[in-house]
Amino acid sequence: MNRTLSLALLFIPATASAAPPATAVAYRPDGSAVVFVSGNALHAFDATGEMRGAVATERATALAFAPNGKVLALATTEPGRSGKLHLLY
């Protein structure tokens, strides 16, 4: 890429906003699924990479599967408020 084009790209305003970063990630102990929170949504994917679901949630700070993989713990918080622990079966 020549320098003129490189400089021009620096000044083009972005038209699409980037997806919010993942704030928490958990792998199922048997490796069959991964769950992550991005923005205010919890996303679940199976081992093949296929999305298995997405649900709205509060701002998550931590995720963890139980050792048997049957329960997912989700810690959420809102600025200036106490946190909550949700157990998803």
C-alpha atoms as a PDB file:
ATOM      1  CA  MET A   1       0.000   0.000   0.000  1.00  0.00           C
ATOM      2  CA  ASN A   2       1.502   3.342  -0.911  1.00  0.00           C
ATOM      3  CA  ARG A   3       1.935   6.069   1.691  1.00  0.00           C
ATOM      4  CA  THR A   4      -0.709   8.394   0.242  1.00  0.00           C
ATOM      5  CA  LEU A   5      -3.409   5.753   0.546  1.00  0.00           C
ATOM      6  CA  SER A   6      -2.212   4.776   4.019  1.00  0.00           C
ATOM      7  CA  LEU A   7      -2.537   8.358   5.239  1.00  0.00           C
ATOM      8  CA  ALA A   8      -5.945   8.743   3.602  1.00  0.00           C
ATOM      9  CA  LEU A   9      -7.269   5.700   5.461  1.00  0.00           C
ATOM     10  CA  LEU A  10      -6.337   7.314   8.780  1.00  0.00           C
ATOM     11  CA  PHE A  11      -8.791  10.138   8.170  1.00  0.00           C
ATOM     12  CA  ILE A  12     -11.799   8.129   6.969  1.00  0.00           C
ATOM     13  CA  PRO A  13     -14.401   8.055   9.764  1.00  0.00           C
ATOM     14  CA  ALA A  14     -15.533   4.618  10.864  1.00  0.00           C
ATOM     15  CA  THR A  15     -19.050   3.824   9.705  1.00  0.00           C
ATOM     16  CA  ALA A  16     -19.573   0.657  11.740  1.00  0.00           C
ATOM     17  CA  SER A  17     -18.981   0.309  15.440  1.00  0.00           C
ATOM     18  CA  ALA A  18     -16.880  -2.556  16.702  1.00  0.00           C
ATOM     19  CA  ALA A  19     -18.451  -5.266  18.826  1.00  0.00           C
ATOM     20  CA  PRO A  20     -17.896  -4.811  22.553  1.00  0.00           C
ATOM     21  CA  PRO A  21     -15.009  -6.859  23.945  1.00  0.00           C
ATOM     22  CA  ALA A  22     -15.574 -10.094  25.810  1.00  0.00           C
ATOM     23  CA  THR A  23     -15.613  -9.384  29.547  1.00  0.00           C
ATOM     24  CA  ALA A  24     -15.769 -13.008  30.755  1.00  0.00           C
ATOM     25  CA  VAL A  25     -15.101 -16.437  29.223  1.00  0.00           C
ATOM     26  CA  ALA A  26     -15.638 -20.003  30.495  1.00  0.00           C
ATOM     27  CA  TYR A  27     -14.927 -23.396  28.944  1.00  0.00           C
ATOM     28  CA  ARG A  28     -16.993 -26.427  29.862  1.00  0.00           C
ATOM     29  CA  PRO A  29     -14.679 -28.931  31.616  1.00  0.00           C
ATOM     30  CA  ASP A  30     -15.271 -31.652  29.008  1.00  0.00           C
ATOM     31  CA  GLY A  31     -14.382 -29.216  26.202  1.00  0.00           C
ATOM     32  CA  SER A  32     -17.811 -29.438  24.584  1.00  0.00           C
ATOM     33  CA  ALA A  33     -18.706 -25.741  24.890  1.00  0.00           C
ATOM     34  CA  VAL A  34     -17.423 -22.248  25.454  1.00  0.00           C
ATOM     35  CA  VAL A  35     -19.491 -19.381  26.860  1.00  0.00           C
ATOM     36  CA  PHE A  36     -18.578 -15.708  26.822  1.00  0.00           C
ATOM     37  CA  VAL A  37     -20.154 -12.377  27.673  1.00  0.00           C
ATOM     38  CA  SER A  38     -19.806  -9.410  25.345  1.00  0.00           C
ATOM     39  CA  GLY A  39     -21.669  -6.223  26.128  1.00  0.00           C
ATOM     40  CA  ASN A  40     -24.932  -7.250  27.748  1.00  0.00           C
ATOM     41  CA  ALA A  41     -25.267 -10.650  26.086  1.00  0.00           C
ATOM     42  CA  LEU A  42     -24.133 -14.141  27.034  1.00  0.00           C
ATOM     43  CA  HIS A  43     -23.171 -16.274  24.007  1.00  0.00           C
ATOM     44  CA  ALA A  44     -22.783 -20.077  23.990  1.00  0.00           C
ATOM     45  CA  PHE A  45     -20.948 -22.077  21.321  1.00  0.00           C
ATOM     46  CA  ASP A  46     -20.421 -25.827  20.994  1.00  0.00           C
ATOM     47  CA  ALA A  47     -17.084 -27.488  20.167  1.00  0.00           C
ATOM     48  CA  THR A  48     -17.748 -27.201  16.414  1.00  0.00           C
ATOM     49  CA  GLY A  49     -18.070 -23.415  16.689  1.00  0.00           C
ATOM     50  CA  GLU A  50     -21.823 -23.387  16.138  1.00  0.00           C
ATOM     51  CA  MET A  51     -23.718 -20.844  18.223  1.00  0.00           C
ATOM     52  CA  ARG A  52     -26.054 -22.609  20.650  1.00  0.00           C
ATOM     53  CA  GLY A  53     -27.726 -19.554  22.109  1.00  0.00           C
ATOM     54  CA  ALA A  54     -27.509 -15.984  23.279  1.00  0.00           C
ATOM     55  CA  VAL A  55     -29.360 -14.282  26.108  1.00  0.00           C
ATOM     56  CA  ALA A  56     -29.430 -10.755  27.457  1.00  0.00           C
ATOM     57  CA  THR A  57     -27.720 -10.203  30.790  1.00  0.00           C
ATOM     58  CA  GLU A  58     -26.404  -7.489  33.030  1.00  0.00           C
ATOM     59  CA  ARG A  59     -22.740  -6.487  32.821  1.00  0.00           C
ATOM     60  CA  ALA A  60     -20.839  -9.696  33.624  1.00  0.00           C
ATOM     61  CA  THR A  61     -17.553  -9.766  35.495  1.00  0.00           C
ATOM     62  CA  ALA A  62     -16.942 -13.523  35.770  1.00  0.00           C
ATOM     63  CA  LEU A  63     -18.106 -16.885  34.432  1.00  0.00           C
ATOM     64  CA  ALA A  64     -17.265 -20.389  35.640  1.00  0.00           C
ATOM     65  CA  PHE A  65     -18.556 -23.892  35.038  1.00  0.00           C
ATOM     66  CA  ALA A  66     -18.979 -26.345  37.916  1.00  0.00           C
ATOM     67  CA  PRO A  67     -16.478 -29.222  37.723  1.00  0.00           C
ATOM     68  CA  ASN A  68     -19.201 -31.531  36.376  1.00  0.00           C
ATOM     69  CA  GLY A  69     -20.104 -28.962  33.677  1.00  0.00           C
ATOM     70  CA  LYS A  70     -23.815 -28.943  34.551  1.00  0.00           C
ATOM     71  CA  VAL A  71     -23.984 -25.511  36.217  1.00  0.00           C
ATOM     72  CA  LEU A  72     -22.680 -22.160  34.957  1.00  0.00           C
ATOM     73  CA  ALA A  73     -22.034 -19.427  37.510  1.00  0.00           C
ATOM     74  CA  LEU A  74     -22.395 -15.871  36.208  1.00  0.00           C
ATOM     75  CA  ALA A  75     -21.331 -12.862  38.302  1.00  0.00           C
ATOM     76  CA  THR A  76     -22.888  -9.537  37.267  1.00  0.00           C
ATOM     77  CA  THR A  77     -22.707  -5.983  38.490  1.00  0.00           C
ATOM     78  CA  GLU A  78     -23.985  -2.528  37.705  1.00  0.00           C
ATOM     79  CA  PRO A  79     -21.883   0.548  38.524  1.00  0.00           C
ATOM     80  CA  GLY A  80     -22.609   1.762  42.060  1.00  0.00           C
ATOM     81  CA  ARG A  81     -24.578  -1.346  43.027  1.00  0.00           C
ATOM     82  CA  SER A  82     -23.849  -4.672  44.679  1.00  0.00           C
ATOM     83  CA  GLY A  83     -22.999  -7.632  42.478  1.00  0.00           C
ATOM     84  CA  LYS A  84     -25.194 -10.674  41.887  1.00  0.00           C
ATOM     85  CA  LEU A  85     -24.393 -14.336  41.391  1.00  0.00           C
ATOM     86  CA  HIS A  86     -26.589 -16.259  38.966  1.00  0.00           C
ATOM     87  CA  LEU A  87     -26.501 -20.049  38.723  1.00  0.00           C
ATOM     88  CA  LEU A  88     -27.635 -21.338  35.334  1.00  0.00           C
ATOM     89  CA  TYR A  89     -28.613 -25.003  35.105  1.00  0.00           C
END
